[in-house]
Every structure is written in C-alpha cells, then in structure tokens.
Amino acid sequence: MSSVSKSRAWDVRRPPSDEGKVVLVTGGNAGIGYFVAEQLAATGVVVVLGSRSAAKADAAMAAIRSRVAGARLRHLPLDLADLSSLKAAVDGSGLDRLDAVVHNAGVALDDPPRQETPDGHELMFGTNHLGHFALTRWLAPLLSAAPAGRVVTVGSFAARSERLDLDDPQSTRDYRPKRSYGRSKLAQMCFGFELDRRLRAVGSSVLSVVAHPGGALDGLTPSRPPVHVTKPGARLRAWPAGLLVQGKEAGAWPVVRAVLDPDVRGGELWGPRVFGLRGIPRREPVPSHMADRSVATRLWTVSCELTGTDSRLGFPSRQAL
C-alpha cells in the first residue's frame, strides 16, 4: 500500500484503539508532547508523562482526563539534562515493558548567553540529543520486552537547513542559539535513523522512527487550560500564518501515527503533508544530510563518549552494534 493511500485511510482524529499498550512521552506535560499524550490516551494507551515537574505533570494529566474519560496516565520524574539521574528514574518506573518511547522533550533558547547542563554539556545539545541518547540505553530492556517496541524521535523542520559540526558539537567556539537548537534537533534525527540501521543489523524487534510536527504555533493551538491558553488576540494575529503552518494539536499527528500505525516501518520519516509544514501526516523522503552514514557513525561515537554509554545501547544483539 502506498503512503498516499495509507494517509487517506488514517483518521487523525480517530486513531485506532491500542488498548493496554504503554508509551512514555518525554516532555508530555506541555507543547507537542501534551497533545501527543492526549491523543494517545484517547486510544486506550497507558501514557507515562516524563517530566521534571510533578506539578506540571499533574496539570497535564488533569487536562487530559477532562477530555478523555478513563484516561490511564502516570508521571515519571525525568530530567534529561541530568544524565546521572536517568538510570534511577527508569529503574524506579515500575514498568516491566514499554511499547514505545516518544523522544519529545526539548529546550529551545532564543538568546545568548550559552548555558550548560549539570554535566557541563551545552544545554540544548545536552538535553535534546544527549539526554535522549542516554535514556534509550536504560529503556532498551523495557522496549525489547514488548512484542514490537518503537523509539519515535521528534525532530524539527529547523534541522533541514543545518549541518552538524562534530569538531565542535557543543558550540564552544561559535555559539548561536537558533543554530545550536537546529543542530541539536538534527543530531536527534540522525540518531533516530542510525539507531534503526543498527537495530536491523542485529535482528531486533524494536523499530526506530523519526517524526516532526512541521510549523506548529502557539497562536493556532487550541486551549487546554491550565496547560495552554490561547487568547483571542494571539489567535487573530496567528490566523494569516495558518495558510502555511498549524497549531500544536495538529503538529502531534505525525508523531502519534509514528507510534500507532502498524504500517509504519523503521527508518522512516513522518511529517505534515503540505510542504512538510501543515496537514495530515505522510511519509517523507529522508534528506541526504540526515541519511549520511559517515556523519551518523561519528555522531554515535561522540555521543557515546560524552554520555559514557556503551555503543550497543543495551539492546540484545547477536553481534556488537
């Protein structure tokens, strides 16, 4: 079946039921992550919200429950900027399997100065990429315990115009916030594609898929108090942009499809249909700079060194990854 025909059959507002599956959404308390969590909860999925803040997670869960009767939700305290805390967080999760993880949480800075994580990594690269890279290592046994686990990495349209500088991955020499953000998302996406190649090479049942929300604006996002409230003035100002971009509820659609659609394959990229910026989800060609294996291999090595992680990431294998 072609991706076009699959897209027509897929109803973004009524995804198929997936009763009982367990999905972790990092940063599920706000933004795209909140709407991913809400939409997954509506299908019967047990949604685990990974969030540093218990108060924000509680607010998000209350908002979801007000819209999804019987929603099954949990909070997992999770700080992706603190690599040393991740193993303990996963060990304390109480989970015996994980059907999918959505690597969504992220930091976006608009202005200098350059900031660092507690581990001394540039904040955006350290949180957005290194945090998820290291988290995957500790989630590997849980994902492998599921019949068909998935790692869904949420990228960004901003990554299309960036290129990685692996001689200076942490922007120590020339820090520009927007560029560093785009590169951190590009690193995430390259990781997602490389992870799937390595999982396929060892015959793993786990798939790695990359998705992005396109252009997703707060002003076009429906209100979900107290998590998000769109004021009439903000909606009016954002209305002309709606010809090209969309709100965060729609931005979650490609991610939800990447998690739930049984026809999605590992190594695929999913995004909005219209210029990659808005509309229902479709499978997209992977840009050449994201599919460059030499760059991905070097990024993998750098990421292992910076996180102190074994190159196999803990997935069962017949050979070294």
C-alpha atoms as a PDB file:
ATOM      1  CA  MET A   1       0.000   0.000   0.000  1.00  0.00           C
ATOM      2  CA  SER A   2       1.386   3.433  -0.900  1.00  0.00           C
ATOM      3  CA  SER A   3       1.872   6.129   1.700  1.00  0.00           C
ATOM      4  CA  VAL A   4      -0.804   8.188  -0.102  1.00  0.00           C
ATOM      5  CA  SER A   5      -3.460   5.509   0.277  1.00  0.00           C
ATOM      6  CA  LYS A   6      -2.387   4.854   3.860  1.00  0.00           C
ATOM      7  CA  SER A   7      -2.717   8.561   4.625  1.00  0.00           C
ATOM      8  CA  ARG A   8      -6.294   8.601   3.288  1.00  0.00           C
ATOM      9  CA  ALA A   9      -7.218   5.606   5.450  1.00  0.00           C
ATOM     10  CA  TRP A  10      -5.683   7.082   8.597  1.00  0.00           C
ATOM     11  CA  ASP A  11      -8.091   9.296  10.569  1.00  0.00           C
ATOM     12  CA  VAL A  12      -6.002  11.726  12.620  1.00  0.00           C
ATOM     13  CA  ARG A  13      -8.954  12.497  14.865  1.00  0.00           C
ATOM     14  CA  ARG A  14      -9.834   8.854  15.453  1.00  0.00           C
ATOM     15  CA  PRO A  15      -6.671   6.737  15.515  1.00  0.00           C
ATOM     16  CA  PRO A  16      -7.196   3.003  16.038  1.00  0.00           C
ATOM     17  CA  SER A  17      -7.570   1.674  19.551  1.00  0.00           C
ATOM     18  CA  ASP A  18      -4.369   0.405  21.143  1.00  0.00           C
ATOM     19  CA  GLU A  19      -5.791  -0.645  24.480  1.00  0.00           C
ATOM     20  CA  GLY A  20      -3.220  -1.564  27.069  1.00  0.00           C
ATOM     21  CA  LYS A  21      -0.044  -0.516  25.292  1.00  0.00           C
ATOM     22  CA  VAL A  22       2.375   1.534  27.387  1.00  0.00           C
ATOM     23  CA  VAL A  23       4.031   4.623  25.891  1.00  0.00           C
ATOM     24  CA  LEU A  24       6.446   7.058  27.534  1.00  0.00           C
ATOM     25  CA  VAL A  25       6.287  10.637  26.217  1.00  0.00           C
ATOM     26  CA  THR A  26       9.190  12.790  27.379  1.00  0.00           C
ATOM     27  CA  GLY A  27       8.051  16.358  27.926  1.00  0.00           C
ATOM     28  CA  GLY A  28       4.456  15.150  27.841  1.00  0.00           C
ATOM     29  CA  ASN A  29       3.297  17.939  30.119  1.00  0.00           C
ATOM     30  CA  ALA A  30       3.396  20.764  27.536  1.00  0.00           C
ATOM     31  CA  GLY A  31       3.543  21.707  23.856  1.00  0.00           C
ATOM     32  CA  ILE A  32       3.603  18.995  21.204  1.00  0.00           C
ATOM     33  CA  GLY A  33       4.233  16.393  23.889  1.00  0.00           C
ATOM     34  CA  TYR A  34       1.000  17.257  25.690  1.00  0.00           C
ATOM     35  CA  PHE A  35      -1.088  16.744  22.554  1.00  0.00           C
ATOM     36  CA  VAL A  36       0.737  13.509  21.735  1.00  0.00           C
ATOM     37  CA  ALA A  37      -0.146  12.294  25.235  1.00  0.00           C
ATOM     38  CA  GLU A  38      -3.779  13.414  24.933  1.00  0.00           C
ATOM     39  CA  GLN A  39      -4.261  11.743  21.546  1.00  0.00           C
ATOM     40  CA  LEU A  40      -2.583   8.517  22.656  1.00  0.00           C
ATOM     41  CA  ALA A  41      -4.678   8.419  25.833  1.00  0.00           C
ATOM     42  CA  ALA A  42      -7.828   8.581  23.700  1.00  0.00           C
ATOM     43  CA  THR A  43      -6.850   5.273  22.055  1.00  0.00           C
ATOM     44  CA  GLY A  44      -6.588   3.400  25.357  1.00  0.00           C
ATOM     45  CA  VAL A  45      -2.818   3.624  25.622  1.00  0.00           C
ATOM     46  CA  VAL A  46      -1.319   3.853  29.115  1.00  0.00           C
ATOM     47  CA  VAL A  47       0.593   7.127  28.791  1.00  0.00           C
ATOM     48  CA  VAL A  48       3.588   7.814  31.003  1.00  0.00           C
ATOM     49  CA  LEU A  49       4.435  11.505  31.113  1.00  0.00           C
ATOM     50  CA  GLY A  50       8.155  12.079  31.540  1.00  0.00           C
ATOM     51  CA  SER A  51       8.557  15.447  33.247  1.00  0.00           C
ATOM     52  CA  ARG A  52      10.868  17.145  35.728  1.00  0.00           C
ATOM     53  CA  SER A  53       7.929  18.890  37.411  1.00  0.00           C
ATOM     54  CA  ALA A  54       5.316  16.897  39.309  1.00  0.00           C
ATOM     55  CA  ALA A  55       3.046  19.966  39.393  1.00  0.00           C
ATOM     56  CA  LYS A  56       3.169  20.402  35.610  1.00  0.00           C
ATOM     57  CA  ALA A  57       2.615  16.698  35.064  1.00  0.00           C
ATOM     58  CA  ASP A  58      -0.399  16.766  37.404  1.00  0.00           C
ATOM     59  CA  ALA A  59      -1.848  19.744  35.499  1.00  0.00           C
ATOM     60  CA  ALA A  60      -1.371  17.961  32.177  1.00  0.00           C
ATOM     61  CA  MET A  61      -2.974  14.771  33.475  1.00  0.00           C
ATOM     62  CA  ALA A  62      -5.946  16.741  34.811  1.00  0.00           C
ATOM     63  CA  ALA A  63      -6.374  18.464  31.436  1.00  0.00           C
ATOM     64  CA  ILE A  64      -6.238  15.119  29.587  1.00  0.00           C
ATOM     65  CA  ARG A  65      -8.722  13.489  31.963  1.00  0.00           C
ATOM     66  CA  SER A  66     -11.150  16.389  31.432  1.00  0.00           C
ATOM     67  CA  ARG A  67     -11.249  15.459  27.722  1.00  0.00           C
ATOM     68  CA  VAL A  68     -10.584  11.705  27.743  1.00  0.00           C
ATOM     69  CA  ALA A  69     -12.839   9.691  30.007  1.00  0.00           C
ATOM     70  CA  GLY A  70     -10.996   6.864  31.685  1.00  0.00           C
ATOM     71  CA  ALA A  71      -7.571   8.058  30.530  1.00  0.00           C
ATOM     72  CA  ARG A  72      -4.792   5.950  32.035  1.00  0.00           C
ATOM     73  CA  LEU A  73      -1.902   8.202  32.920  1.00  0.00           C
ATOM     74  CA  ARG A  74       1.247   8.108  35.012  1.00  0.00           C
ATOM     75  CA  HIS A  75       4.056  10.502  35.797  1.00  0.00           C
ATOM     76  CA  LEU A  76       7.715   9.537  35.575  1.00  0.00           C
ATOM     77  CA  PRO A  77      10.074  12.105  37.151  1.00  0.00           C
ATOM     78  CA  LEU A  78      12.636  12.660  34.414  1.00  0.00           C
ATOM     79  CA  ASP A  79      15.371  15.253  33.920  1.00  0.00           C
ATOM     80  CA  LEU A  80      17.117  14.759  30.580  1.00  0.00           C
ATOM     81  CA  ALA A  81      19.683  17.430  31.410  1.00  0.00           C
ATOM     82  CA  ASP A  82      20.985  15.315  34.298  1.00  0.00           C
ATOM     83  CA  LEU A  83      22.440  12.169  32.737  1.00  0.00           C
ATOM     84  CA  SER A  84      23.353  10.610  36.068  1.00  0.00           C
ATOM     85  CA  SER A  85      19.683  10.582  37.124  1.00  0.00           C
ATOM     86  CA  LEU A  86      18.283   8.655  34.157  1.00  0.00           C
ATOM     87  CA  LYS A  87      19.057   5.085  35.206  1.00  0.00           C
ATOM     88  CA  ALA A  88      17.499   5.601  38.620  1.00  0.00           C
ATOM     89  CA  ALA A  89      14.427   7.169  37.015  1.00  0.00           C
ATOM     90  CA  VAL A  90      13.914   4.166  34.731  1.00  0.00           C
ATOM     91  CA  ASP A  91      14.689   1.666  37.500  1.00  0.00           C
ATOM     92  CA  GLY A  92      12.065   3.343  39.660  1.00  0.00           C
ATOM     93  CA  SER A  93       9.401   3.461  36.946  1.00  0.00           C
ATOM     94  CA  GLY A  94       7.783   0.174  37.932  1.00  0.00           C
ATOM     95  CA  LEU A  95       7.427  -0.759  34.248  1.00  0.00           C
ATOM     96  CA  ASP A  96       8.059  -4.294  33.019  1.00  0.00           C
ATOM     97  CA  ARG A  97       7.798  -3.354  29.345  1.00  0.00           C
ATOM     98  CA  LEU A  98       7.473  -0.300  27.138  1.00  0.00           C
ATOM     99  CA  ASP A  99       5.719  -0.463  23.776  1.00  0.00           C
ATOM    100  CA  ALA A 100       7.096   2.892  22.673  1.00  0.00           C
ATOM    101  CA  VAL A 101       9.010   5.924  23.821  1.00  0.00           C
ATOM    102  CA  VAL A 102       8.481   9.327  22.239  1.00  0.00           C
ATOM    103  CA  HIS A 103      11.684  11.354  22.468  1.00  0.00           C
ATOM    104  CA  ASN A 104       9.949  14.722  22.511  1.00  0.00           C
ATOM    105  CA  ALA A 105      11.212  16.867  25.402  1.00  0.00           C
ATOM    106  CA  GLY A 106      13.454  19.704  24.404  1.00  0.00           C
ATOM    107  CA  VAL A 107      14.957  23.062  25.234  1.00  0.00           C
ATOM    108  CA  ALA A 108      14.912  25.972  22.769  1.00  0.00           C
ATOM    109  CA  LEU A 109      16.825  29.142  23.634  1.00  0.00           C
ATOM    110  CA  ASP A 110      16.464  32.339  21.621  1.00  0.00           C
ATOM    111  CA  ASP A 111      19.205  34.488  23.095  1.00  0.00           C
ATOM    112  CA  PRO A 112      22.742  34.177  24.496  1.00  0.00           C
ATOM    113  CA  PRO A 113      24.477  33.502  26.805  1.00  0.00           C
ATOM    114  CA  ARG A 114      25.420  29.878  26.239  1.00  0.00           C
ATOM    115  CA  GLN A 115      24.136  27.651  29.046  1.00  0.00           C
ATOM    116  CA  GLU A 116      25.225  24.237  30.266  1.00  0.00           C
ATOM    117  CA  THR A 117      23.648  21.170  31.869  1.00  0.00           C
ATOM    118  CA  PRO A 118      24.818  19.927  35.285  1.00  0.00           C
ATOM    119  CA  ASP A 119      27.133  17.592  33.348  1.00  0.00           C
ATOM    120  CA  GLY A 120      28.786  20.527  31.572  1.00  0.00           C
ATOM    121  CA  HIS A 121      27.179  19.988  28.153  1.00  0.00           C
ATOM    122  CA  GLU A 122      25.710  22.817  26.077  1.00  0.00           C
ATOM    123  CA  LEU A 123      22.108  22.930  27.277  1.00  0.00           C
ATOM    124  CA  MET A 124      20.233  22.277  24.023  1.00  0.00           C
ATOM    125  CA  PHE A 125      22.588  19.631  22.634  1.00  0.00           C
ATOM    126  CA  GLY A 126      22.896  18.068  26.079  1.00  0.00           C
ATOM    127  CA  THR A 127      19.162  17.896  26.759  1.00  0.00           C
ATOM    128  CA  ASN A 128      17.639  17.401  23.317  1.00  0.00           C
ATOM    129  CA  HIS A 129      20.140  14.896  21.948  1.00  0.00           C
ATOM    130  CA  LEU A 130      22.477  13.519  24.624  1.00  0.00           C
ATOM    131  CA  GLY A 131      19.707  13.125  27.200  1.00  0.00           C
ATOM    132  CA  HIS A 132      17.567  11.061  24.825  1.00  0.00           C
ATOM    133  CA  PHE A 133      20.587   9.102  23.593  1.00  0.00           C
ATOM    134  CA  ALA A 134      21.442   8.085  27.157  1.00  0.00           C
ATOM    135  CA  LEU A 135      17.803   7.459  28.085  1.00  0.00           C
ATOM    136  CA  THR A 136      17.487   4.986  25.207  1.00  0.00           C
ATOM    137  CA  ARG A 137      20.240   2.910  26.797  1.00  0.00           C
ATOM    138  CA  TRP A 138      18.277   2.485  30.037  1.00  0.00           C
ATOM    139  CA  LEU A 139      14.956   1.902  28.259  1.00  0.00           C
ATOM    140  CA  ALA A 140      16.392  -0.760  25.931  1.00  0.00           C
ATOM    141  CA  PRO A 141      15.402  -3.771  28.112  1.00  0.00           C
ATOM    142  CA  LEU A 142      11.839  -2.458  28.500  1.00  0.00           C
ATOM    143  CA  LEU A 143      11.469  -1.784  24.770  1.00  0.00           C
ATOM    144  CA  SER A 144      12.905  -5.192  23.926  1.00  0.00           C
ATOM    145  CA  ALA A 145      10.410  -6.834  26.304  1.00  0.00           C
ATOM    146  CA  ALA A 146       7.481  -5.538  24.242  1.00  0.00           C
ATOM    147  CA  PRO A 147       6.290  -7.562  21.227  1.00  0.00           C
ATOM    148  CA  ALA A 148       7.229  -4.728  18.858  1.00  0.00           C
ATOM    149  CA  GLY A 149       8.778  -1.771  20.653  1.00  0.00           C
ATOM    150  CA  ARG A 150       9.257   1.593  18.974  1.00  0.00           C
ATOM    151  CA  VAL A 151      11.542   4.560  19.519  1.00  0.00           C
ATOM    152  CA  VAL A 152       9.936   7.645  17.990  1.00  0.00           C
ATOM    153  CA  THR A 153      12.247  10.638  17.852  1.00  0.00           C
ATOM    154  CA  VAL A 154      10.631  14.036  17.386  1.00  0.00           C
ATOM    155  CA  GLY A 155      12.728  16.168  15.065  1.00  0.00           C
ATOM    156  CA  SER A 156      12.187  19.638  13.695  1.00  0.00           C
ATOM    157  CA  PHE A 157      11.787  21.363  10.348  1.00  0.00           C
ATOM    158  CA  ALA A 158      14.620  23.612  11.560  1.00  0.00           C
ATOM    159  CA  ALA A 159      17.048  20.702  11.158  1.00  0.00           C
ATOM    160  CA  ARG A 160      16.693  20.754   7.362  1.00  0.00           C
ATOM    161  CA  SER A 161      18.825  23.869   6.971  1.00  0.00           C
ATOM    162  CA  GLU A 162      21.530  22.887   9.478  1.00  0.00           C
ATOM    163  CA  ARG A 163      24.639  20.725   9.294  1.00  0.00           C
ATOM    164  CA  LEU A 164      26.436  19.124  12.231  1.00  0.00           C
ATOM    165  CA  ASP A 165      29.859  20.366  13.278  1.00  0.00           C
ATOM    166  CA  LEU A 166      31.240  17.316  15.050  1.00  0.00           C
ATOM    167  CA  ASP A 167      34.540  19.069  15.681  1.00  0.00           C
ATOM    168  CA  ASP A 168      32.550  21.405  17.934  1.00  0.00           C
ATOM    169  CA  PRO A 169      29.278  19.606  18.727  1.00  0.00           C
ATOM    170  CA  GLN A 170      28.657  21.720  21.832  1.00  0.00           C
ATOM    171  CA  SER A 171      29.111  25.134  20.207  1.00  0.00           C
ATOM    172  CA  THR A 172      32.014  26.163  22.399  1.00  0.00           C
ATOM    173  CA  ARG A 173      33.668  28.285  19.699  1.00  0.00           C
ATOM    174  CA  ASP A 174      30.773  29.981  17.933  1.00  0.00           C
ATOM    175  CA  TYR A 175      27.514  29.868  19.877  1.00  0.00           C
ATOM    176  CA  ARG A 176      24.367  30.991  18.094  1.00  0.00           C
ATOM    177  CA  PRO A 177      21.205  29.869  19.906  1.00  0.00           C
ATOM    178  CA  LYS A 178      18.941  29.206  16.933  1.00  0.00           C
ATOM    179  CA  ARG A 179      21.664  27.390  15.036  1.00  0.00           C
ATOM    180  CA  SER A 180      22.568  25.333  18.103  1.00  0.00           C
ATOM    181  CA  TYR A 181      18.911  24.394  18.523  1.00  0.00           C
ATOM    182  CA  GLY A 182      18.627  23.323  14.881  1.00  0.00           C
ATOM    183  CA  ARG A 183      21.794  21.262  15.193  1.00  0.00           C
ATOM    184  CA  SER A 184      20.557  19.586  18.369  1.00  0.00           C
ATOM    185  CA  LYS A 185      17.385  18.529  16.547  1.00  0.00           C
ATOM    186  CA  LEU A 186      19.416  17.388  13.535  1.00  0.00           C
ATOM    187  CA  ALA A 187      21.534  15.281  15.889  1.00  0.00           C
ATOM    188  CA  GLN A 188      18.359  13.716  17.273  1.00  0.00           C
ATOM    189  CA  MET A 189      17.096  12.882  13.798  1.00  0.00           C
ATOM    190  CA  CYS A 190      20.423  11.436  12.644  1.00  0.00           C
ATOM    191  CA  PHE A 191      20.437   9.337  15.812  1.00  0.00           C
ATOM    192  CA  GLY A 192      16.918   8.058  15.080  1.00  0.00           C
ATOM    193  CA  PHE A 193      17.869   6.859  11.603  1.00  0.00           C
ATOM    194  CA  GLU A 194      21.193   5.378  12.711  1.00  0.00           C
ATOM    195  CA  LEU A 195      19.534   3.588  15.630  1.00  0.00           C
ATOM    196  CA  ASP A 196      17.179   1.820  13.258  1.00  0.00           C
ATOM    197  CA  ARG A 197      20.044   0.741  10.992  1.00  0.00           C
ATOM    198  CA  ARG A 198      21.821  -0.768  13.987  1.00  0.00           C
ATOM    199  CA  LEU A 199      18.682  -2.447  15.299  1.00  0.00           C
ATOM    200  CA  ARG A 200      18.008  -4.001  11.884  1.00  0.00           C
ATOM    201  CA  ALA A 201      21.602  -5.214  11.668  1.00  0.00           C
ATOM    202  CA  VAL A 202      21.154  -7.327  14.802  1.00  0.00           C
ATOM    203  CA  GLY A 203      17.624  -8.514  14.068  1.00  0.00           C
ATOM    204  CA  SER A 204      15.954  -6.584  16.889  1.00  0.00           C
ATOM    205  CA  SER A 205      12.159  -6.401  17.076  1.00  0.00           C
ATOM    206  CA  VAL A 206      12.427  -2.732  18.117  1.00  0.00           C
ATOM    207  CA  LEU A 207      11.902  -0.085  15.422  1.00  0.00           C
ATOM    208  CA  SER A 208      13.226   3.477  15.349  1.00  0.00           C
ATOM    209  CA  VAL A 209      11.138   6.087  13.534  1.00  0.00           C
ATOM    210  CA  VAL A 210      11.567   9.849  13.155  1.00  0.00           C
ATOM    211  CA  ALA A 211       8.680  12.324  13.010  1.00  0.00           C
ATOM    212  CA  HIS A 212       8.376  16.099  13.030  1.00  0.00           C
ATOM    213  CA  PRO A 213       5.449  18.473  13.662  1.00  0.00           C
ATOM    214  CA  GLY A 214       6.101  20.907  10.797  1.00  0.00           C
ATOM    215  CA  GLY A 215       5.310  24.501  11.680  1.00  0.00           C
ATOM    216  CA  ALA A 216       3.404  24.497  14.969  1.00  0.00           C
ATOM    217  CA  LEU A 217       2.463  27.833  16.544  1.00  0.00           C
ATOM    218  CA  ASP A 218       1.012  28.557  19.979  1.00  0.00           C
ATOM    219  CA  GLY A 219      -1.421  31.056  18.449  1.00  0.00           C
ATOM    220  CA  LEU A 220      -3.015  28.339  16.308  1.00  0.00           C
ATOM    221  CA  THR A 221      -3.152  25.826  19.156  1.00  0.00           C
ATOM    222  CA  PRO A 222      -6.480  25.078  20.884  1.00  0.00           C
ATOM    223  CA  SER A 223      -6.615  25.926  24.566  1.00  0.00           C
ATOM    224  CA  ARG A 224      -6.049  23.244  27.165  1.00  0.00           C
ATOM    225  CA  PRO A 225      -6.225  25.097  30.480  1.00  0.00           C
ATOM    226  CA  PRO A 226      -4.226  25.258  32.620  1.00  0.00           C
ATOM    227  CA  VAL A 227      -1.542  23.726  30.356  1.00  0.00           C
ATOM    228  CA  HIS A 228      -2.103  26.144  27.477  1.00  0.00           C
ATOM    229  CA  VAL A 229      -4.499  29.029  26.925  1.00  0.00           C
ATOM    230  CA  THR A 230      -4.706  30.759  23.539  1.00  0.00           C
ATOM    231  CA  LYS A 231      -6.087  34.269  23.907  1.00  0.00           C
ATOM    232  CA  PRO A 232      -8.311  35.675  21.156  1.00  0.00           C
ATOM    233  CA  GLY A 233      -5.750  38.349  20.255  1.00  0.00           C
ATOM    234  CA  ALA A 234      -2.982  35.786  19.812  1.00  0.00           C
ATOM    235  CA  ARG A 235      -5.235  33.605  17.675  1.00  0.00           C
ATOM    236  CA  LEU A 236      -6.185  36.563  15.490  1.00  0.00           C
ATOM    237  CA  ARG A 237      -2.536  37.553  14.975  1.00  0.00           C
ATOM    238  CA  ALA A 238      -1.601  33.984  14.083  1.00  0.00           C
ATOM    239  CA  TRP A 239      -4.539  33.420  11.734  1.00  0.00           C
ATOM    240  CA  PRO A 240      -2.788  34.531   8.489  1.00  0.00           C
ATOM    241  CA  ALA A 241       0.072  32.098   9.217  1.00  0.00           C
ATOM    242  CA  GLY A 242      -2.489  29.299   9.249  1.00  0.00           C
ATOM    243  CA  LEU A 243      -2.230  29.170   5.470  1.00  0.00           C
ATOM    244  CA  LEU A 244       1.267  27.698   5.860  1.00  0.00           C
ATOM    245  CA  VAL A 245       1.552  26.285   9.379  1.00  0.00           C
ATOM    246  CA  GLN A 246      -0.679  24.829  12.077  1.00  0.00           C
ATOM    247  CA  GLY A 247      -1.200  24.502  15.811  1.00  0.00           C
ATOM    248  CA  LYS A 248       0.421  22.027  18.146  1.00  0.00           C
ATOM    249  CA  GLU A 249      -2.594  19.714  18.262  1.00  0.00           C
ATOM    250  CA  ALA A 250      -2.153  19.070  14.532  1.00  0.00           C
ATOM    251  CA  GLY A 251       1.620  19.062  14.973  1.00  0.00           C
ATOM    252  CA  ALA A 252       1.222  15.966  17.144  1.00  0.00           C
ATOM    253  CA  TRP A 253      -0.465  13.966  14.363  1.00  0.00           C
ATOM    254  CA  PRO A 254       2.696  12.671  12.623  1.00  0.00           C
ATOM    255  CA  VAL A 255       4.150  11.617  15.982  1.00  0.00           C
ATOM    256  CA  VAL A 256       1.008   9.738  17.011  1.00  0.00           C
ATOM    257  CA  ARG A 257       0.916   7.961  13.660  1.00  0.00           C
ATOM    258  CA  ALA A 258       4.587   7.013  14.013  1.00  0.00           C
ATOM    259  CA  VAL A 259       3.722   5.423  17.373  1.00  0.00           C
ATOM    260  CA  LEU A 260       0.500   3.619  16.433  1.00  0.00           C
ATOM    261  CA  ASP A 261       0.316   2.825  12.715  1.00  0.00           C
ATOM    262  CA  PRO A 262       1.223  -0.845  12.133  1.00  0.00           C
ATOM    263  CA  ASP A 263       2.229   0.037   8.552  1.00  0.00           C
ATOM    264  CA  VAL A 264       4.973   2.418   9.686  1.00  0.00           C
ATOM    265  CA  ARG A 265       8.417   0.935   9.173  1.00  0.00           C
ATOM    266  CA  GLY A 266      11.692   1.526  10.956  1.00  0.00           C
ATOM    267  CA  GLY A 267      13.934   4.205   9.484  1.00  0.00           C
ATOM    268  CA  GLU A 268      11.023   6.212   8.092  1.00  0.00           C
ATOM    269  CA  LEU A 269      10.427   9.965   8.439  1.00  0.00           C
ATOM    270  CA  TRP A 270       6.896  11.242   9.005  1.00  0.00           C
ATOM    271  CA  GLY A 271       5.699  14.844   8.842  1.00  0.00           C
ATOM    272  CA  PRO A 272       2.791  17.024   7.686  1.00  0.00           C
ATOM    273  CA  ARG A 273       1.641  16.619   4.089  1.00  0.00           C
ATOM    274  CA  VAL A 274       1.658  20.255   2.885  1.00  0.00           C
ATOM    275  CA  PHE A 275       5.286  21.290   2.255  1.00  0.00           C
ATOM    276  CA  GLY A 276       6.233  19.485   5.458  1.00  0.00           C
ATOM    277  CA  LEU A 277       4.632  22.336   7.401  1.00  0.00           C
ATOM    278  CA  ARG A 278       0.939  21.552   7.889  1.00  0.00           C
ATOM    279  CA  GLY A 279      -1.722  18.953   7.221  1.00  0.00           C
ATOM    280  CA  ILE A 280      -2.284  15.261   7.795  1.00  0.00           C
ATOM    281  CA  PRO A 281       0.790  13.060   8.255  1.00  0.00           C
ATOM    282  CA  ARG A 282       2.647  11.399   5.418  1.00  0.00           C
ATOM    283  CA  ARG A 283       5.897   9.542   4.943  1.00  0.00           C
ATOM    284  CA  GLU A 284       8.640  11.868   3.661  1.00  0.00           C
ATOM    285  CA  PRO A 285      11.921  11.197   1.866  1.00  0.00           C
ATOM    286  CA  VAL A 286      14.835  11.337   4.302  1.00  0.00           C
ATOM    287  CA  PRO A 287      17.076  14.323   3.407  1.00  0.00           C
ATOM    288  CA  SER A 288      20.544  13.256   2.322  1.00  0.00           C
ATOM    289  CA  HIS A 289      22.345  15.043   5.154  1.00  0.00           C
ATOM    290  CA  MET A 290      20.218  13.135   7.683  1.00  0.00           C
ATOM    291  CA  ALA A 291      20.921   9.818   5.976  1.00  0.00           C
ATOM    292  CA  ASP A 292      24.717  10.275   5.755  1.00  0.00           C
ATOM    293  CA  ARG A 293      26.080   7.153   7.447  1.00  0.00           C
ATOM    294  CA  SER A 294      29.592   8.506   7.954  1.00  0.00           C
ATOM    295  CA  VAL A 295      28.226  11.509   9.842  1.00  0.00           C
ATOM    296  CA  ALA A 296      25.829   9.311  11.826  1.00  0.00           C
ATOM    297  CA  THR A 297      28.613   6.910  12.792  1.00  0.00           C
ATOM    298  CA  ARG A 298      30.804   9.731  14.006  1.00  0.00           C
ATOM    299  CA  LEU A 299      27.895  11.318  15.901  1.00  0.00           C
ATOM    300  CA  TRP A 300      27.231   7.957  17.549  1.00  0.00           C
ATOM    301  CA  THR A 301      30.839   7.689  18.699  1.00  0.00           C
ATOM    302  CA  VAL A 302      30.866  11.267  20.019  1.00  0.00           C
ATOM    303  CA  SER A 303      27.557  10.694  21.824  1.00  0.00           C
ATOM    304  CA  CYS A 304      28.858   7.525  23.490  1.00  0.00           C
ATOM    305  CA  GLU A 305      31.956   9.360  24.676  1.00  0.00           C
ATOM    306  CA  LEU A 306      30.025  12.341  26.046  1.00  0.00           C
ATOM    307  CA  THR A 307      27.409  10.226  27.840  1.00  0.00           C
ATOM    308  CA  GLY A 308      29.670   7.382  28.954  1.00  0.00           C
ATOM    309  CA  THR A 309      27.362   4.954  27.160  1.00  0.00           C
ATOM    310  CA  ASP A 310      28.274   1.633  25.562  1.00  0.00           C
ATOM    311  CA  SER A 311      27.866   1.693  21.772  1.00  0.00           C
ATOM    312  CA  ARG A 312      25.348  -1.174  21.886  1.00  0.00           C
ATOM    313  CA  LEU A 313      22.903   0.908  23.983  1.00  0.00           C
ATOM    314  CA  GLY A 314      21.841  -2.198  25.881  1.00  0.00           C
ATOM    315  CA  PHE A 315      19.720  -3.786  23.151  1.00  0.00           C
ATOM    316  CA  PRO A 316      20.002  -7.586  22.927  1.00  0.00           C
ATOM    317  CA  SER A 317      22.069  -8.473  19.911  1.00  0.00           C
ATOM    318  CA  ARG A 318      23.699 -11.320  18.049  1.00  0.00           C
ATOM    319  CA  GLN A 319      26.712  -9.165  17.329  1.00  0.00           C
ATOM    320  CA  ALA A 320      28.237  -5.916  18.584  1.00  0.00           C
ATOM    321  CA  LEU A 321      26.342  -2.845  17.429  1.00  0.00           C
END
